[in-house]
C-alpha atoms as a PDB file:
ATOM      1  CA  UNK A   1      -3.800-129.578 107.211  1.00  0.00           C
ATOM      2  CA  UNK A   2      -2.648-126.785 105.417  1.00  0.00           C
ATOM      3  CA  UNK A   3      -0.267-128.608 102.851  1.00  0.00           C
ATOM      4  CA  UNK A   4      -3.892-130.489 101.896  1.00  0.00           C
ATOM      5  CA  UNK A   5      -6.335-127.244 101.066  1.00  0.00           C
ATOM      6  CA  UNK A   6      -3.453-125.803  99.052  1.00  0.00           C
ATOM      7  CA  UNK A   7      -2.537-129.364  97.088  1.00  0.00           C
ATOM      8  CA  UNK A   8      -6.461-129.203  95.708  1.00  0.00           C
ATOM      9  CA  UNK A   9      -5.674-125.215  93.825  1.00  0.00           C
ATOM     10  CA  UNK A  10      -2.275-126.344  91.650  1.00  0.00           C
ATOM     11  CA  UNK A  11      -5.050-129.877  90.771  1.00  0.00           C
ATOM     12  CA  UNK A  12      -7.265-127.392  89.270  1.00  0.00           C
ATOM     13  CA  UNK A  13      -4.664-125.550  88.137  1.00  0.00           C
ATOM     14  CA  UNK A  14      -3.242-128.064  85.806  1.00  0.00           C
ATOM     15  CA  UNK A  15      -6.829-129.950  85.556  1.00  0.00           C
ATOM     16  CA  UNK A  16      -7.841-126.196  84.078  1.00  0.00           C
ATOM     17  CA  UNK A  17      -4.797-126.020  81.751  1.00  0.00           C
ATOM     18  CA  UNK A  18      -5.154-129.335  80.259  1.00  0.00           C
ATOM     19  CA  UNK A  19      -8.734-128.705  78.946  1.00  0.00           C
ATOM     20  CA  UNK A  20      -7.828-125.194  77.571  1.00  0.00           C
ATOM     21  CA  UNK A  21      -5.573-127.319  75.665  1.00  0.00           C
ATOM     22  CA  UNK A  22      -7.306-130.110  74.572  1.00  0.00           C
ATOM     23  CA  UNK A  23      -9.773-127.094  73.355  1.00  0.00           C
ATOM     24  CA  UNK A  24      -6.974-125.051  71.200  1.00  0.00           C
ATOM     25  CA  UNK A  25      -4.978-127.890  70.187  1.00  0.00           C
ATOM     26  CA  UNK A  26      -9.408-129.324  68.561  1.00  0.00           C
ATOM     27  CA  UNK A  27     -10.106-124.772  67.002  1.00  0.00           C
ATOM     28  CA  UNK A  28      -6.839-125.117  65.423  1.00  0.00           C
ATOM     29  CA  UNK A  29      -7.823-128.844  63.222  1.00  0.00           C
ATOM     30  CA  UNK A  30     -11.566-127.729  62.818  1.00  0.00           C
ATOM     31  CA  UNK A  31     -10.589-123.955  61.625  1.00  0.00           C
ATOM     32  CA  UNK A  32      -7.533-125.431  59.669  1.00  0.00           C
ATOM     33  CA  UNK A  33      -9.488-128.839  58.240  1.00  0.00           C
ATOM     34  CA  UNK A  34     -10.520-127.588  54.532  1.00  0.00           C
ATOM     35  CA  UNK A  35     -13.896-128.096  52.834  1.00  0.00           C
ATOM     36  CA  UNK A  36     -14.794-127.752  48.961  1.00  0.00           C
ATOM     37  CA  UNK A  37     -16.868-125.048  48.256  1.00  0.00           C
ATOM     38  CA  UNK A  38     -20.694-125.517  48.066  1.00  0.00           C
ATOM     39  CA  UNK A  39     -20.323-124.725  43.798  1.00  0.00           C
ATOM     40  CA  UNK A  40     -16.491-126.099  43.700  1.00  0.00           C
ATOM     41  CA  UNK A  41     -16.502-129.348  40.573  1.00  0.00           C
ATOM     42  CA  UNK A  42     -13.925-131.280  43.533  1.00  0.00           C
ATOM     43  CA  UNK A  43     -13.169-131.294  46.899  1.00  0.00           C
ATOM     44  CA  UNK A  44      -9.844-129.109  47.908  1.00  0.00           C
ATOM     45  CA  UNK A  45      -7.065-131.622  48.466  1.00  0.00           C
ATOM     46  CA  UNK A  46      -4.682-130.941  51.512  1.00  0.00           C
ATOM     47  CA  UNK A  47      -1.450-130.790  49.573  1.00  0.00           C
ATOM     48  CA  UNK A  48       2.461-130.848  50.253  1.00  0.00           C
ATOM     49  CA  UNK A  49       4.196-127.320  48.339  1.00  0.00           C
ATOM     50  CA  UNK A  50       4.890-128.530  43.993  1.00  0.00           C
ATOM     51  CA  UNK A  51       7.051-127.750  41.739  1.00  0.00           C
ATOM     52  CA  UNK A  52       5.789-127.997  38.214  1.00  0.00           C
ATOM     53  CA  UNK A  53       6.652-131.072  35.935  1.00  0.00           C
ATOM     54  CA  UNK A  54       3.897-130.021  33.458  1.00  0.00           C
ATOM     55  CA  UNK A  55       3.316-126.248  31.283  1.00  0.00           C
ATOM     56  CA  UNK A  56       1.285-126.972  28.114  1.00  0.00           C
ATOM     57  CA  UNK A  57      -1.015-124.874  26.524  1.00  0.00           C
ATOM     58  CA  UNK A  58      -4.348-126.921  25.646  1.00  0.00           C
ATOM     59  CA  UNK A  59      -8.276-126.486  26.541  1.00  0.00           C
ATOM     60  CA  UNK A  60     -10.499-127.061  28.990  1.00  0.00           C
ATOM     61  CA  UNK A  61     -14.160-129.159  29.914  1.00  0.00           C
ATOM     62  CA  UNK A  62     -15.586-129.652  32.657  1.00  0.00           C
ATOM     63  CA  UNK A  63     -16.588-133.530  31.743  1.00  0.00           C
ATOM     64  CA  UNK A  64     -13.843-135.754  30.392  1.00  0.00           C
ATOM     65  CA  UNK A  65     -14.863-136.114  27.048  1.00  0.00           C
ATOM     66  CA  UNK A  66     -13.986-139.885  27.396  1.00  0.00           C
ATOM     67  CA  UNK A  67     -15.512-141.547  30.254  1.00  0.00           C
ATOM     68  CA  UNK A  68     -17.916-138.534  30.565  1.00  0.00           C
ATOM     69  CA  UNK A  69     -17.330-138.110  33.549  1.00  0.00           C
ATOM     70  CA  UNK A  70     -17.988-135.202  35.224  1.00  0.00           C
ATOM     71  CA  UNK A  71     -14.823-133.972  36.276  1.00  0.00           C
ATOM     72  CA  UNK A  72     -12.710-130.518  34.865  1.00  0.00           C
ATOM     73  CA  UNK A  73     -10.470-131.867  32.038  1.00  0.00           C
ATOM     74  CA  UNK A  74      -6.984-130.642  29.920  1.00  0.00           C
ATOM     75  CA  UNK A  75      -6.064-132.423  26.378  1.00  0.00           C
ATOM     76  CA  UNK A  76      -3.833-130.738  25.191  1.00  0.00           C
ATOM     77  CA  UNK A  77      -1.111-132.053  22.208  1.00  0.00           C
ATOM     78  CA  UNK A  78       1.864-133.534  21.272  1.00  0.00           C
ATOM     79  CA  UNK A  79       3.952-134.142  18.309  1.00  0.00           C
ATOM     80  CA  UNK A  80       2.910-136.533  16.980  1.00  0.00           C
ATOM     81  CA  UNK A  81       0.230-137.241  19.479  1.00  0.00           C
ATOM     82  CA  UNK A  82      -2.870-134.879  19.240  1.00  0.00           C
ATOM     83  CA  UNK A  83      -5.787-134.846  22.172  1.00  0.00           C
ATOM     84  CA  UNK A  84      -4.227-136.246  25.350  1.00  0.00           C
ATOM     85  CA  UNK A  85      -6.236-135.687  28.428  1.00  0.00           C
ATOM     86  CA  UNK A  86      -5.783-135.527  31.862  1.00  0.00           C
ATOM     87  CA  UNK A  87      -8.210-134.950  35.455  1.00  0.00           C
ATOM     88  CA  UNK A  88      -7.146-131.749  37.112  1.00  0.00           C
ATOM     89  CA  UNK A  89      -6.711-131.392  40.482  1.00  0.00           C
ATOM     90  CA  UNK A  90      -7.092-128.999  42.835  1.00  0.00           C
ATOM     91  CA  UNK A  91      -5.815-127.230  45.610  1.00  0.00           C
ATOM     92  CA  UNK A  92      -6.095-124.074  48.059  1.00  0.00           C
ATOM     93  CA  UNK A  93      -2.745-123.465  46.472  1.00  0.00           C
ATOM     94  CA  UNK A  94      -4.368-123.645  43.456  1.00  0.00           C
ATOM     95  CA  UNK A  95      -4.687-120.415  40.894  1.00  0.00           C
ATOM     96  CA  UNK A  96      -6.621-119.168  38.089  1.00  0.00           C
ATOM     97  CA  UNK A  97      -7.067-116.194  35.469  1.00  0.00           C
ATOM     98  CA  UNK A  98      -9.821-116.863  33.657  1.00  0.00           C
ATOM     99  CA  UNK A  99     -10.064-113.050  32.006  1.00  0.00           C
ATOM    100  CA  UNK A 100     -10.933-111.208  35.687  1.00  0.00           C
ATOM    101  CA  UNK A 101      -7.280-111.429  37.275  1.00  0.00           C
ATOM    102  CA  UNK A 102      -5.474-114.055  39.799  1.00  0.00           C
ATOM    103  CA  UNK A 103      -7.220-115.655  42.711  1.00  0.00           C
ATOM    104  CA  UNK A 104      -8.408-118.949  43.561  1.00  0.00           C
ATOM    105  CA  UNK A 105      -9.636-121.317  40.833  1.00  0.00           C
ATOM    106  CA  UNK A 106     -13.109-121.038  42.787  1.00  0.00           C
ATOM    107  CA  UNK A 107     -14.516-123.462  40.185  1.00  0.00           C
ATOM    108  CA  UNK A 108     -18.578-123.244  40.462  1.00  0.00           C
ATOM    109  CA  UNK A 109     -18.207-119.963  39.892  1.00  0.00           C
ATOM    110  CA  UNK A 110     -17.160-120.774  36.213  1.00  0.00           C
ATOM    111  CA  UNK A 111     -19.052-122.263  33.184  1.00  0.00           C
ATOM    112  CA  UNK A 112     -16.641-123.980  30.558  1.00  0.00           C
ATOM    113  CA  UNK A 113     -19.266-123.334  28.330  1.00  0.00           C
ATOM    114  CA  UNK A 114     -18.900-119.753  28.400  1.00  0.00           C
ATOM    115  CA  UNK A 115     -14.852-120.610  27.509  1.00  0.00           C
ATOM    116  CA  UNK A 116     -15.272-123.248  24.668  1.00  0.00           C
ATOM    117  CA  UNK A 117     -12.951-121.151  22.271  1.00  0.00           C
ATOM    118  CA  UNK A 118     -10.437-120.327  24.531  1.00  0.00           C
ATOM    119  CA  UNK A 119      -7.025-121.661  25.141  1.00  0.00           C
ATOM    120  CA  UNK A 120      -5.548-122.345  28.822  1.00  0.00           C
ATOM    121  CA  UNK A 121      -2.145-122.345  29.721  1.00  0.00           C
ATOM    122  CA  UNK A 122      -1.396-124.778  32.142  1.00  0.00           C
ATOM    123  CA  UNK A 123       1.311-125.258  34.425  1.00  0.00           C
ATOM    124  CA  UNK A 124       1.842-127.910  37.163  1.00  0.00           C
ATOM    125  CA  UNK A 125       2.993-132.035  38.561  1.00  0.00           C
ATOM    126  CA  UNK A 126       2.082-133.835  36.384  1.00  0.00           C
ATOM    127  CA  UNK A 127       1.920-137.603  37.756  1.00  0.00           C
ATOM    128  CA  UNK A 128      -0.064-140.921  35.742  1.00  0.00           C
ATOM    129  CA  UNK A 129      -2.967-139.110  34.160  1.00  0.00           C
ATOM    130  CA  UNK A 130      -3.758-136.223  36.284  1.00  0.00           C
ATOM    131  CA  UNK A 131      -2.292-133.065  36.995  1.00  0.00           C
ATOM    132  CA  UNK A 132      -2.095-130.430  40.088  1.00  0.00           C
ATOM    133  CA  UNK A 133      -3.177-127.245  38.974  1.00  0.00           C
ATOM    134  CA  UNK A 134      -0.398-124.742  39.739  1.00  0.00           C
ATOM    135  CA  UNK A 135      -1.343-122.571  37.706  1.00  0.00           C
ATOM    136  CA  UNK A 136      -4.281-122.181  34.942  1.00  0.00           C
ATOM    137  CA  UNK A 137      -4.545-118.886  32.652  1.00  0.00           C
ATOM    138  CA  UNK A 138      -6.791-118.464  29.965  1.00  0.00           C
ATOM    139  CA  UNK A 139      -4.801-117.176  26.751  1.00  0.00           C
ATOM    140  CA  UNK A 140      -6.674-116.204  24.823  1.00  0.00           C
ATOM    141  CA  UNK A 141     -10.491-116.387  23.857  1.00  0.00           C
END
């Protein structure tokens, strides 16, 4: 009879341990899942560390000049090719400097019209017609 009474606290402890573990994992998932900031132009994407395969100077727009889509677009030139457009994708580790110091790319805080004549240096990972931004720095305006 004594063994049956000693067994109940062990079962309760195991069940309590499982509940605590599941709660901890759930909390970690909720607090580490990226979301977009309310004023941002695009959602933040999950990312893997990227190495730059694209470094170029050009101009920045918050609307694709060809499709009219509201998306951050970078226009640059290459020898023999003018006004090449690429869509910009931003991640949590993308850094921007719009003339006030390097920081996270909080795109909702910036009005691209303020940088109409600005020239930006872009470093990122280009795949097709899209570039995942590593850094975007205003060079002159």
